N, C-alpha and C. Protein backbone atom coordinates (compact mmCIF):
# COMPACT_ATOMS: atom_id res chain seq x y z
N MET A 1 1.38 -28.58 -8.35
CA MET A 1 0.72 -27.78 -7.73
C MET A 1 -0.23 -27.97 -6.79
N THR A 2 -0.29 -27.70 -5.54
CA THR A 2 -1.40 -28.15 -4.47
C THR A 2 -2.23 -26.84 -4.03
N THR A 3 -3.29 -27.29 -3.46
CA THR A 3 -4.16 -26.12 -3.20
C THR A 3 -3.56 -25.44 -2.07
N SER A 4 -2.54 -25.71 -1.21
CA SER A 4 -1.90 -25.11 -0.38
C SER A 4 -1.08 -24.10 -1.01
N ASP A 5 -0.60 -24.36 -2.09
CA ASP A 5 0.39 -23.50 -2.89
C ASP A 5 -0.56 -22.35 -3.41
N VAL A 6 -1.52 -22.49 -3.97
CA VAL A 6 -2.21 -21.58 -4.64
C VAL A 6 -3.79 -21.60 -4.34
N ASP A 7 -4.13 -20.66 -3.97
CA ASP A 7 -5.70 -20.66 -3.67
C ASP A 7 -6.81 -21.26 -4.63
N SER A 8 -6.35 -20.83 -6.02
CA SER A 8 -7.22 -21.10 -7.12
C SER A 8 -6.60 -21.04 -8.40
N ALA A 9 -6.22 -22.08 -9.04
CA ALA A 9 -5.65 -21.93 -10.36
C ALA A 9 -6.57 -21.50 -11.40
N ALA A 10 -7.77 -21.45 -11.13
CA ALA A 10 -8.95 -20.93 -11.82
C ALA A 10 -8.59 -19.44 -11.93
N ASP A 11 -8.00 -19.00 -11.04
CA ASP A 11 -7.77 -17.41 -11.14
C ASP A 11 -6.62 -16.96 -12.20
N ARG A 12 -5.87 -18.04 -12.89
CA ARG A 12 -4.77 -17.88 -13.76
C ARG A 12 -4.96 -17.41 -14.92
N SER A 13 -6.71 -17.07 -15.19
CA SER A 13 -6.57 -16.63 -16.81
C SER A 13 -5.83 -15.58 -17.17
N SER A 14 -5.82 -15.23 -18.64
CA SER A 14 -5.03 -14.16 -19.03
C SER A 14 -5.63 -12.69 -18.52
N PRO A 15 -4.95 -12.14 -18.07
CA PRO A 15 -5.03 -10.69 -17.44
C PRO A 15 -5.51 -9.89 -18.44
N ASP A 16 -6.73 -9.05 -18.04
CA ASP A 16 -7.37 -8.04 -18.77
C ASP A 16 -6.32 -6.78 -18.66
N PRO A 17 -5.61 -6.29 -19.81
CA PRO A 17 -4.79 -4.96 -19.30
C PRO A 17 -5.72 -3.87 -18.68
N SER A 18 -6.93 -3.76 -18.74
CA SER A 18 -7.55 -2.67 -18.17
C SER A 18 -7.67 -2.79 -16.74
N ALA A 19 -7.82 -4.14 -16.26
CA ALA A 19 -8.08 -4.45 -14.86
C ALA A 19 -7.24 -3.94 -14.02
N SER A 20 -7.68 -3.72 -12.58
CA SER A 20 -6.68 -2.91 -11.71
C SER A 20 -5.96 -4.38 -11.09
N LEU A 21 -4.99 -4.04 -10.33
CA LEU A 21 -4.14 -5.15 -9.50
C LEU A 21 -5.39 -5.72 -8.81
N LEU A 22 -6.38 -5.23 -8.12
CA LEU A 22 -7.33 -5.94 -7.24
C LEU A 22 -8.15 -7.13 -7.91
N ASP A 23 -8.06 -7.12 -9.15
CA ASP A 23 -8.58 -7.87 -10.15
C ASP A 23 -7.69 -8.95 -10.61
N ALA A 24 -6.55 -8.75 -10.49
CA ALA A 24 -5.64 -9.43 -11.17
C ALA A 24 -5.61 -11.07 -10.89
N PRO A 25 -5.06 -11.83 -11.72
CA PRO A 25 -4.97 -13.12 -11.34
C PRO A 25 -4.02 -13.37 -9.88
N ALA A 26 -4.28 -14.50 -9.16
CA ALA A 26 -3.65 -14.77 -8.45
C ALA A 26 -2.16 -15.48 -8.30
N ASP A 27 -1.30 -14.70 -8.51
CA ASP A 27 -0.12 -15.25 -8.52
C ASP A 27 0.99 -14.38 -7.86
N ALA A 28 2.21 -14.66 -7.59
CA ALA A 28 3.03 -13.85 -6.52
C ALA A 28 3.76 -12.64 -7.66
N SER A 29 3.68 -12.63 -8.66
CA SER A 29 3.98 -11.28 -9.56
C SER A 29 3.28 -10.35 -9.70
N ARG A 30 1.54 -10.85 -9.40
CA ARG A 30 0.59 -10.06 -9.76
C ARG A 30 -0.28 -9.63 -8.67
N ALA A 31 -0.50 -10.42 -7.70
CA ALA A 31 -1.14 -10.26 -6.40
C ALA A 31 -0.92 -8.81 -5.69
N THR A 32 -1.66 -8.24 -5.32
CA THR A 32 -1.62 -6.85 -4.57
C THR A 32 -1.01 -7.45 -3.21
N VAL A 33 -1.66 -8.38 -2.62
CA VAL A 33 -1.49 -8.77 -1.12
C VAL A 33 -0.91 -10.26 -1.62
N PHE A 34 0.15 -10.55 -0.79
CA PHE A 34 0.98 -11.95 -0.77
C PHE A 34 1.01 -12.42 0.62
N ILE A 35 0.51 -13.24 1.10
CA ILE A 35 0.31 -13.85 2.46
C ILE A 35 1.02 -15.11 2.55
N VAL A 36 2.46 -15.17 3.34
CA VAL A 36 2.87 -16.50 3.70
C VAL A 36 2.62 -16.57 5.23
N ARG A 37 1.87 -17.98 5.06
CA ARG A 37 1.19 -18.41 6.81
C ARG A 37 1.86 -19.59 6.81
N ASP A 38 2.30 -19.50 8.16
CA ASP A 38 2.96 -20.58 8.89
C ASP A 38 1.91 -21.68 9.02
N GLY A 39 2.11 -22.84 8.39
CA GLY A 39 1.21 -23.83 8.20
C GLY A 39 0.86 -24.77 9.77
N ARG A 40 1.86 -24.20 10.61
CA ARG A 40 1.77 -24.84 11.97
C ARG A 40 0.68 -24.11 12.78
N GLU A 41 0.30 -22.97 12.52
CA GLU A 41 -0.97 -22.26 13.21
C GLU A 41 -2.10 -22.64 12.89
N SER A 42 -2.97 -22.70 13.78
CA SER A 42 -4.65 -23.14 13.68
C SER A 42 -5.13 -22.32 12.92
N SER A 43 -5.86 -22.83 11.71
CA SER A 43 -6.65 -22.15 10.59
C SER A 43 -7.76 -21.51 11.16
N ARG A 44 -8.24 -22.34 12.10
CA ARG A 44 -9.55 -22.27 13.16
C ARG A 44 -9.37 -20.98 13.63
N LYS A 45 -8.40 -20.47 14.25
CA LYS A 45 -8.11 -19.15 15.00
C LYS A 45 -7.59 -18.23 13.98
N CYS A 46 -7.32 -18.36 12.81
CA CYS A 46 -6.68 -17.33 11.85
C CYS A 46 -7.71 -16.38 11.56
N SER A 47 -7.34 -14.92 11.62
CA SER A 47 -8.15 -13.74 11.42
C SER A 47 -8.16 -13.75 9.93
N LEU A 48 -7.25 -14.63 8.96
CA LEU A 48 -7.11 -14.23 7.61
C LEU A 48 -8.24 -15.15 6.95
N THR A 49 -8.49 -16.26 7.28
CA THR A 49 -9.33 -17.41 7.21
C THR A 49 -10.55 -16.63 6.05
N PRO A 50 -11.17 -15.87 6.38
CA PRO A 50 -12.33 -15.30 5.58
C PRO A 50 -11.65 -14.57 4.47
N VAL A 51 -10.42 -14.19 4.32
CA VAL A 51 -9.77 -13.50 3.26
C VAL A 51 -9.64 -14.27 1.98
N ARG A 52 -9.30 -15.63 2.12
CA ARG A 52 -9.00 -16.69 1.09
C ARG A 52 -10.10 -16.38 0.10
N GLY A 53 -9.55 -16.41 -1.27
CA GLY A 53 -10.24 -16.23 -2.27
C GLY A 53 -10.72 -14.67 -2.92
N ARG A 54 -10.30 -13.79 -1.90
CA ARG A 54 -10.49 -12.48 -2.40
C ARG A 54 -9.48 -12.02 -3.47
N ALA A 55 -10.11 -11.20 -4.46
CA ALA A 55 -9.43 -10.58 -5.61
C ALA A 55 -8.26 -9.97 -5.10
N GLY A 56 -7.10 -10.14 -5.79
CA GLY A 56 -5.89 -9.68 -5.41
C GLY A 56 -5.21 -10.17 -4.28
N VAL A 57 -5.53 -11.15 -3.69
CA VAL A 57 -4.95 -11.93 -2.49
C VAL A 57 -4.43 -13.38 -2.87
N GLU A 58 -3.10 -13.50 -2.58
CA GLU A 58 -2.76 -14.93 -2.67
C GLU A 58 -2.07 -15.54 -1.53
N PHE A 59 -2.48 -16.76 -1.13
CA PHE A 59 -1.79 -17.53 0.10
C PHE A 59 -0.78 -18.52 -0.47
N ARG A 60 0.23 -18.47 0.51
CA ARG A 60 1.07 -19.45 0.46
C ARG A 60 1.51 -20.16 1.63
N THR A 61 1.60 -21.35 1.80
CA THR A 61 1.96 -21.83 3.28
C THR A 61 3.23 -22.31 3.21
N TRP A 62 3.82 -21.60 4.53
CA TRP A 62 5.35 -21.66 4.59
C TRP A 62 5.56 -23.10 5.27
N VAL A 63 6.82 -23.74 4.48
CA VAL A 63 7.18 -25.07 5.13
C VAL A 63 8.63 -24.70 5.24
N ARG A 64 9.55 -25.22 6.44
CA ARG A 64 10.92 -24.86 6.74
C ARG A 64 11.58 -25.30 5.47
N GLU A 65 12.52 -24.36 5.35
CA GLU A 65 13.48 -24.79 3.92
C GLU A 65 12.88 -24.95 2.63
N ARG A 66 11.78 -24.36 2.48
CA ARG A 66 11.19 -24.40 1.06
C ARG A 66 10.97 -23.18 0.69
N PRO A 67 11.87 -22.51 -0.11
CA PRO A 67 11.96 -20.96 -0.66
C PRO A 67 10.51 -20.63 -1.05
N ILE A 68 10.25 -19.52 -0.78
CA ILE A 68 8.97 -18.67 -1.34
C ILE A 68 9.40 -17.48 -2.21
N ASP A 69 9.28 -17.36 -3.45
CA ASP A 69 9.89 -16.17 -4.08
C ASP A 69 8.56 -15.08 -4.05
N VAL A 70 8.74 -13.83 -3.65
CA VAL A 70 7.64 -13.06 -3.49
C VAL A 70 7.82 -11.69 -4.57
N GLY A 71 8.99 -11.72 -5.10
CA GLY A 71 9.42 -10.37 -5.87
C GLY A 71 9.62 -9.25 -5.06
N THR A 72 9.36 -8.04 -5.46
CA THR A 72 9.44 -6.85 -4.66
C THR A 72 8.14 -6.62 -3.86
N ARG A 73 8.50 -6.29 -2.48
CA ARG A 73 7.16 -6.19 -1.92
C ARG A 73 7.45 -5.45 -0.52
N THR A 74 6.41 -4.58 -0.30
CA THR A 74 6.64 -3.89 1.05
C THR A 74 6.28 -5.03 2.06
N LEU A 75 7.24 -5.34 3.01
CA LEU A 75 6.78 -6.31 4.18
C LEU A 75 6.16 -5.72 5.40
N LEU A 76 5.24 -6.21 5.82
CA LEU A 76 4.68 -5.53 6.86
C LEU A 76 5.45 -6.30 8.10
N HIS A 77 6.13 -5.30 8.75
CA HIS A 77 7.07 -5.94 9.98
C HIS A 77 7.10 -5.02 10.97
N PRO A 78 7.00 -5.57 12.09
CA PRO A 78 6.93 -4.59 13.47
C PRO A 78 8.07 -3.68 13.87
N ASP A 79 9.14 -3.96 13.00
CA ASP A 79 10.74 -3.24 13.20
C ASP A 79 10.76 -2.33 12.18
N GLY A 80 10.04 -2.20 11.04
CA GLY A 80 10.07 -1.12 10.05
C GLY A 80 9.75 0.12 10.32
N PRO A 81 10.09 1.14 9.50
CA PRO A 81 9.71 2.41 9.49
C PRO A 81 8.08 2.64 9.37
N PRO A 82 7.25 3.42 9.66
CA PRO A 82 5.95 3.24 9.44
C PRO A 82 5.43 3.39 8.19
N LEU A 83 4.59 2.58 7.95
CA LEU A 83 3.81 2.63 6.27
C LEU A 83 3.25 4.05 5.97
N SER A 84 3.30 4.53 4.94
CA SER A 84 2.92 5.87 4.35
C SER A 84 2.49 5.96 2.90
N SER A 85 1.65 6.66 2.58
CA SER A 85 1.24 6.90 1.42
C SER A 85 2.52 6.72 0.23
N ALA A 86 3.53 7.17 0.56
CA ALA A 86 4.85 7.07 -0.04
C ALA A 86 5.20 5.74 -0.55
N ASP A 87 4.73 4.66 0.12
CA ASP A 87 4.78 3.05 -0.13
C ASP A 87 3.74 2.88 -1.06
N ARG A 88 2.73 3.67 -1.55
CA ARG A 88 1.59 3.47 -2.41
C ARG A 88 2.42 2.94 -3.95
N GLY A 89 1.67 1.65 -4.42
CA GLY A 89 2.05 1.30 -5.81
C GLY A 89 2.84 0.29 -5.48
N ARG A 90 3.65 -0.47 -4.49
CA ARG A 90 4.22 -1.80 -4.21
C ARG A 90 3.30 -2.77 -3.66
N PRO A 91 3.43 -3.79 -4.20
CA PRO A 91 2.49 -4.71 -3.38
C PRO A 91 2.99 -5.29 -2.14
N LEU A 92 1.92 -5.79 -1.48
CA LEU A 92 2.25 -6.11 -0.02
C LEU A 92 2.80 -7.37 0.19
N LEU A 93 3.62 -7.77 1.32
CA LEU A 93 3.76 -9.10 2.00
C LEU A 93 3.37 -9.05 3.39
N LEU A 94 2.53 -9.85 3.80
CA LEU A 94 2.10 -10.25 5.10
C LEU A 94 2.51 -11.73 5.58
N VAL A 95 3.49 -11.67 6.74
CA VAL A 95 3.63 -13.06 7.09
C VAL A 95 2.80 -13.13 8.19
N ASP A 96 1.78 -14.30 8.10
CA ASP A 96 1.01 -14.78 9.19
C ASP A 96 1.37 -15.76 9.85
N CYS A 97 2.16 -15.54 11.12
CA CYS A 97 2.67 -16.56 12.03
C CYS A 97 2.79 -16.10 13.68
N ALA A 98 3.22 -16.87 14.48
CA ALA A 98 3.60 -16.36 15.65
C ALA A 98 4.82 -15.32 15.57
N TRP A 99 4.66 -14.44 16.56
CA TRP A 99 5.67 -13.21 16.53
C TRP A 99 7.14 -13.79 16.70
N ARG A 100 7.14 -15.02 17.44
CA ARG A 100 8.48 -15.37 17.78
C ARG A 100 8.97 -16.24 16.53
N HIS A 101 7.97 -16.74 15.74
CA HIS A 101 8.68 -17.48 14.42
C HIS A 101 9.00 -16.75 13.05
N LEU A 102 8.51 -15.33 13.33
CA LEU A 102 8.94 -14.45 12.08
C LEU A 102 10.14 -14.50 11.66
N PRO A 103 11.23 -14.40 12.44
CA PRO A 103 12.54 -14.48 11.81
C PRO A 103 12.83 -15.55 10.93
N GLN A 104 12.47 -17.03 11.61
CA GLN A 104 12.27 -18.25 10.87
C GLN A 104 11.80 -18.32 9.54
N VAL A 105 10.54 -17.74 9.67
CA VAL A 105 9.89 -17.98 8.27
C VAL A 105 10.23 -16.93 7.36
N LEU A 106 10.82 -15.87 7.68
CA LEU A 106 11.48 -14.75 6.68
C LEU A 106 12.71 -15.29 6.03
N ARG A 107 13.64 -16.24 6.75
CA ARG A 107 14.59 -16.97 6.20
C ARG A 107 14.47 -17.61 4.93
N ASP A 108 13.16 -18.22 4.61
CA ASP A 108 12.87 -18.79 3.47
C ASP A 108 12.18 -18.09 2.55
N VAL A 109 12.01 -16.65 2.79
CA VAL A 109 11.10 -15.70 1.93
C VAL A 109 12.27 -15.08 0.93
N ARG A 110 12.13 -15.05 -0.35
CA ARG A 110 13.07 -14.55 -1.38
C ARG A 110 12.41 -13.55 -2.02
N GLY A 111 13.09 -12.32 -2.35
CA GLY A 111 12.80 -11.11 -2.82
C GLY A 111 13.32 -10.05 -2.17
N GLU A 112 12.92 -8.87 -2.93
CA GLU A 112 13.14 -7.55 -2.32
C GLU A 112 12.03 -7.04 -1.26
N LEU A 113 12.69 -7.45 -0.04
CA LEU A 113 11.54 -6.56 0.83
C LEU A 113 11.82 -5.46 1.58
N ILE A 114 11.08 -4.75 1.59
CA ILE A 114 10.94 -3.39 2.20
C ILE A 114 10.12 -3.36 3.41
N PRO A 115 10.85 -3.16 4.63
CA PRO A 115 10.05 -3.33 5.87
C PRO A 115 9.47 -2.00 6.20
N ARG A 116 8.03 -2.21 6.60
CA ARG A 116 7.38 -1.21 6.95
C ARG A 116 6.39 -1.78 8.18
N SER A 117 6.14 -0.74 9.10
CA SER A 117 5.21 -1.26 10.08
C SER A 117 3.92 -0.38 10.19
N ILE A 118 3.05 -0.98 10.76
CA ILE A 118 1.61 -0.11 10.69
C ILE A 118 1.84 1.12 11.69
N PRO A 119 1.57 2.26 11.12
CA PRO A 119 1.51 3.49 11.87
C PRO A 119 1.16 3.27 13.64
N ALA A 120 1.67 3.71 14.47
CA ALA A 120 1.29 3.54 15.79
C ALA A 120 -0.32 4.19 15.97
N GLY A 121 -0.79 3.64 17.15
CA GLY A 121 -2.11 4.05 17.39
C GLY A 121 -3.36 3.37 17.13
N PHE A 122 -3.48 2.27 16.68
CA PHE A 122 -4.38 1.33 16.16
C PHE A 122 -4.36 0.51 17.54
N ALA A 123 -5.74 0.06 17.67
CA ALA A 123 -5.75 -0.93 18.61
C ALA A 123 -6.60 -2.00 18.33
N THR A 124 -6.08 -3.10 18.74
CA THR A 124 -6.75 -4.31 18.23
C THR A 124 -8.01 -4.87 18.84
N ALA A 125 -8.88 -5.42 18.25
CA ALA A 125 -10.15 -5.98 18.98
C ALA A 125 -9.90 -7.61 19.24
N TYR A 126 -8.84 -7.94 18.74
CA TYR A 126 -8.84 -9.49 18.52
C TYR A 126 -8.30 -9.98 20.32
N PRO A 127 -8.83 -10.92 20.78
CA PRO A 127 -8.47 -11.15 22.24
C PRO A 127 -7.42 -12.17 22.37
N ARG A 128 -6.28 -11.77 22.54
CA ARG A 128 -5.09 -12.54 22.31
C ARG A 128 -4.71 -12.99 23.65
N ARG A 129 -4.41 -14.12 23.82
CA ARG A 129 -4.29 -14.85 25.19
C ARG A 129 -3.17 -16.22 24.98
N SER A 130 -1.94 -15.90 25.26
CA SER A 130 -1.03 -17.08 25.18
C SER A 130 -1.00 -17.60 26.44
N ARG A 131 -1.01 -19.00 26.63
CA ARG A 131 -0.37 -19.78 27.78
C ARG A 131 1.15 -19.71 28.04
N LEU A 132 1.66 -19.69 27.14
CA LEU A 132 3.09 -20.02 26.94
C LEU A 132 3.93 -18.79 26.78
N PHE A 133 3.58 -17.65 26.05
CA PHE A 133 4.70 -16.82 25.89
C PHE A 133 3.76 -15.43 26.53
N ALA A 134 4.66 -14.38 26.79
CA ALA A 134 3.88 -12.91 26.68
C ALA A 134 3.33 -12.32 25.82
N ASP A 135 2.21 -12.00 25.59
CA ASP A 135 1.49 -11.14 24.49
C ASP A 135 2.15 -9.64 24.31
N PRO A 136 2.36 -9.59 23.08
CA PRO A 136 2.86 -8.46 22.60
C PRO A 136 1.92 -7.09 23.33
N SER A 137 2.77 -5.89 23.64
CA SER A 137 1.98 -4.98 24.47
C SER A 137 1.19 -4.14 23.30
N SER A 138 1.30 -4.25 22.01
CA SER A 138 0.72 -3.74 20.90
C SER A 138 0.82 -4.47 19.64
N GLY A 139 0.04 -4.31 18.78
CA GLY A 139 0.00 -5.10 17.72
C GLY A 139 -1.26 -5.56 17.17
N LEU A 140 -1.56 -5.82 15.98
CA LEU A 140 -3.09 -6.16 15.42
C LEU A 140 -3.09 -7.55 14.89
N ALA A 141 -4.33 -7.90 15.06
CA ALA A 141 -4.69 -9.24 14.22
C ALA A 141 -4.15 -9.20 12.74
N SER A 142 -3.86 -10.24 12.24
CA SER A 142 -3.12 -10.02 10.82
C SER A 142 -4.33 -9.34 9.86
N VAL A 143 -5.61 -9.92 10.08
CA VAL A 143 -6.47 -9.13 9.09
C VAL A 143 -6.62 -7.65 9.43
N GLU A 144 -6.69 -7.11 10.55
CA GLU A 144 -6.66 -5.78 11.07
C GLU A 144 -5.46 -5.11 10.45
N ALA A 145 -4.20 -5.79 10.45
CA ALA A 145 -2.93 -5.12 9.96
C ALA A 145 -2.99 -4.63 8.49
N LEU A 146 -3.74 -6.06 7.70
CA LEU A 146 -3.85 -5.81 6.30
C LEU A 146 -4.68 -4.71 5.99
N PHE A 147 -5.98 -4.69 6.59
CA PHE A 147 -6.94 -3.70 6.55
C PHE A 147 -6.47 -2.36 6.84
N VAL A 148 -5.57 -2.03 7.92
CA VAL A 148 -4.87 -0.67 8.02
C VAL A 148 -3.82 -0.54 7.04
N ALA A 149 -3.03 -1.17 6.80
CA ALA A 149 -2.19 -1.19 5.63
C ALA A 149 -2.62 -0.76 4.40
N LEU A 150 -3.64 -1.31 3.80
CA LEU A 150 -4.50 -1.09 2.67
C LEU A 150 -5.09 0.44 2.70
N HIS A 151 -5.67 0.81 3.82
CA HIS A 151 -6.39 1.99 4.09
C HIS A 151 -5.17 3.08 4.06
N VAL A 152 -4.08 2.87 4.63
CA VAL A 152 -2.78 3.85 4.73
C VAL A 152 -2.50 4.08 3.29
N LEU A 153 -2.42 3.37 2.37
CA LEU A 153 -1.96 3.11 1.09
C LEU A 153 -3.03 3.92 0.24
N GLY A 154 -4.20 4.10 0.74
CA GLY A 154 -5.33 4.58 -0.29
C GLY A 154 -5.91 3.47 -1.15
N VAL A 155 -5.92 2.39 -0.59
CA VAL A 155 -6.58 1.28 -1.30
C VAL A 155 -7.44 0.55 -0.35
N PRO A 156 -8.52 1.21 0.14
CA PRO A 156 -9.40 0.83 1.24
C PRO A 156 -10.06 -0.50 0.57
N ARG A 157 -10.03 -1.49 1.52
CA ARG A 157 -10.63 -2.90 1.18
C ARG A 157 -11.61 -3.36 2.26
N PRO A 158 -12.59 -2.64 2.51
CA PRO A 158 -13.53 -2.96 3.41
C PRO A 158 -14.07 -4.40 3.59
N ASP A 159 -14.01 -5.01 2.35
CA ASP A 159 -14.36 -6.31 2.00
C ASP A 159 -13.74 -7.45 2.84
N LEU A 160 -12.43 -7.06 3.18
CA LEU A 160 -11.42 -7.94 3.88
C LEU A 160 -11.88 -8.07 5.26
N LEU A 161 -12.64 -7.22 6.16
CA LEU A 161 -13.39 -7.35 7.27
C LEU A 161 -14.60 -8.36 7.38
N GLU A 162 -15.07 -8.54 6.20
CA GLU A 162 -16.41 -9.50 6.07
C GLU A 162 -15.87 -10.85 6.67
N GLY A 163 -16.54 -11.45 7.65
CA GLY A 163 -16.58 -12.76 8.28
C GLY A 163 -15.47 -12.93 9.29
N TYR A 164 -14.78 -11.32 9.68
CA TYR A 164 -13.98 -11.11 10.76
C TYR A 164 -14.81 -11.03 11.88
N ARG A 165 -14.75 -11.86 13.09
CA ARG A 165 -15.97 -11.95 14.14
C ARG A 165 -15.27 -10.63 14.77
N PHE A 166 -14.43 -9.87 15.07
CA PHE A 166 -14.37 -8.70 15.66
C PHE A 166 -14.23 -7.39 14.70
N ALA A 167 -14.83 -7.63 13.68
CA ALA A 167 -14.68 -6.62 12.70
C ALA A 167 -15.41 -5.16 13.28
N ASP A 168 -16.45 -5.27 13.96
CA ASP A 168 -17.34 -4.18 14.48
C ASP A 168 -16.61 -3.52 15.47
N ALA A 169 -16.07 -4.41 16.60
CA ALA A 169 -15.36 -3.75 17.65
C ALA A 169 -14.13 -3.16 17.19
N PHE A 170 -13.25 -3.85 16.35
CA PHE A 170 -12.05 -3.41 15.42
C PHE A 170 -12.36 -1.57 14.90
N LEU A 171 -13.37 -1.69 14.10
CA LEU A 171 -13.64 -0.43 13.56
C LEU A 171 -14.20 0.66 14.62
N GLU A 172 -14.62 0.48 15.62
CA GLU A 172 -15.27 1.37 16.49
C GLU A 172 -14.00 1.72 17.52
N ARG A 173 -13.01 0.92 17.72
CA ARG A 173 -11.90 1.34 18.44
C ARG A 173 -10.64 2.12 17.74
N ASN A 174 -11.17 2.14 16.38
CA ASN A 174 -10.18 2.98 15.32
C ASN A 174 -10.82 3.89 14.70
N ARG A 175 -11.98 4.15 14.92
CA ARG A 175 -12.95 4.92 14.03
C ARG A 175 -12.25 6.44 13.91
N GLU A 176 -11.81 7.05 14.62
CA GLU A 176 -10.79 8.29 14.54
C GLU A 176 -9.71 8.19 13.44
N ARG A 177 -9.03 6.96 13.68
CA ARG A 177 -7.65 6.81 12.98
C ARG A 177 -8.16 6.38 11.60
N LEU A 178 -9.14 6.11 11.44
CA LEU A 178 -9.54 5.67 10.10
C LEU A 178 -10.44 6.43 9.07
N LEU A 179 -10.72 7.59 9.82
CA LEU A 179 -11.36 8.68 8.98
C LEU A 179 -10.51 9.40 8.10
């Protein structure tokens, strides 16, 4: 096992049955949020970098043709029906990669995936600029999408925006949607 496979093996202590999933050890079967990250993407530009090590969040680095088992999860996917409180209780899967690489990454993800999108109307604060491809007309930075998803599910995690450079602008742009 390498550090790219699991953030912290020290978090694998015996679970306390009274602990919530947010306090659970970081492994695929117990993490509230499982993030599959394309290792080709720059971690310097990654909005999720400050989330590493947070309780209930596990990162795995995707490498082509190396399957990653995630179990049953709600997959945050732009083509899914909108996420709602009816999805509460099912752990999340977020794939952090360039939009054009999403199908390729998902081919190596194993498990029962229930696709859900972020409800319409949220605005990103992340300044996207691609020199090679058109930027999507909508969409959020990965940390913004994760924050909104957990908010919609009734499990607010304001700590996920700590260290996110554009947090204040994001919260301001979406204040009414987040009330």
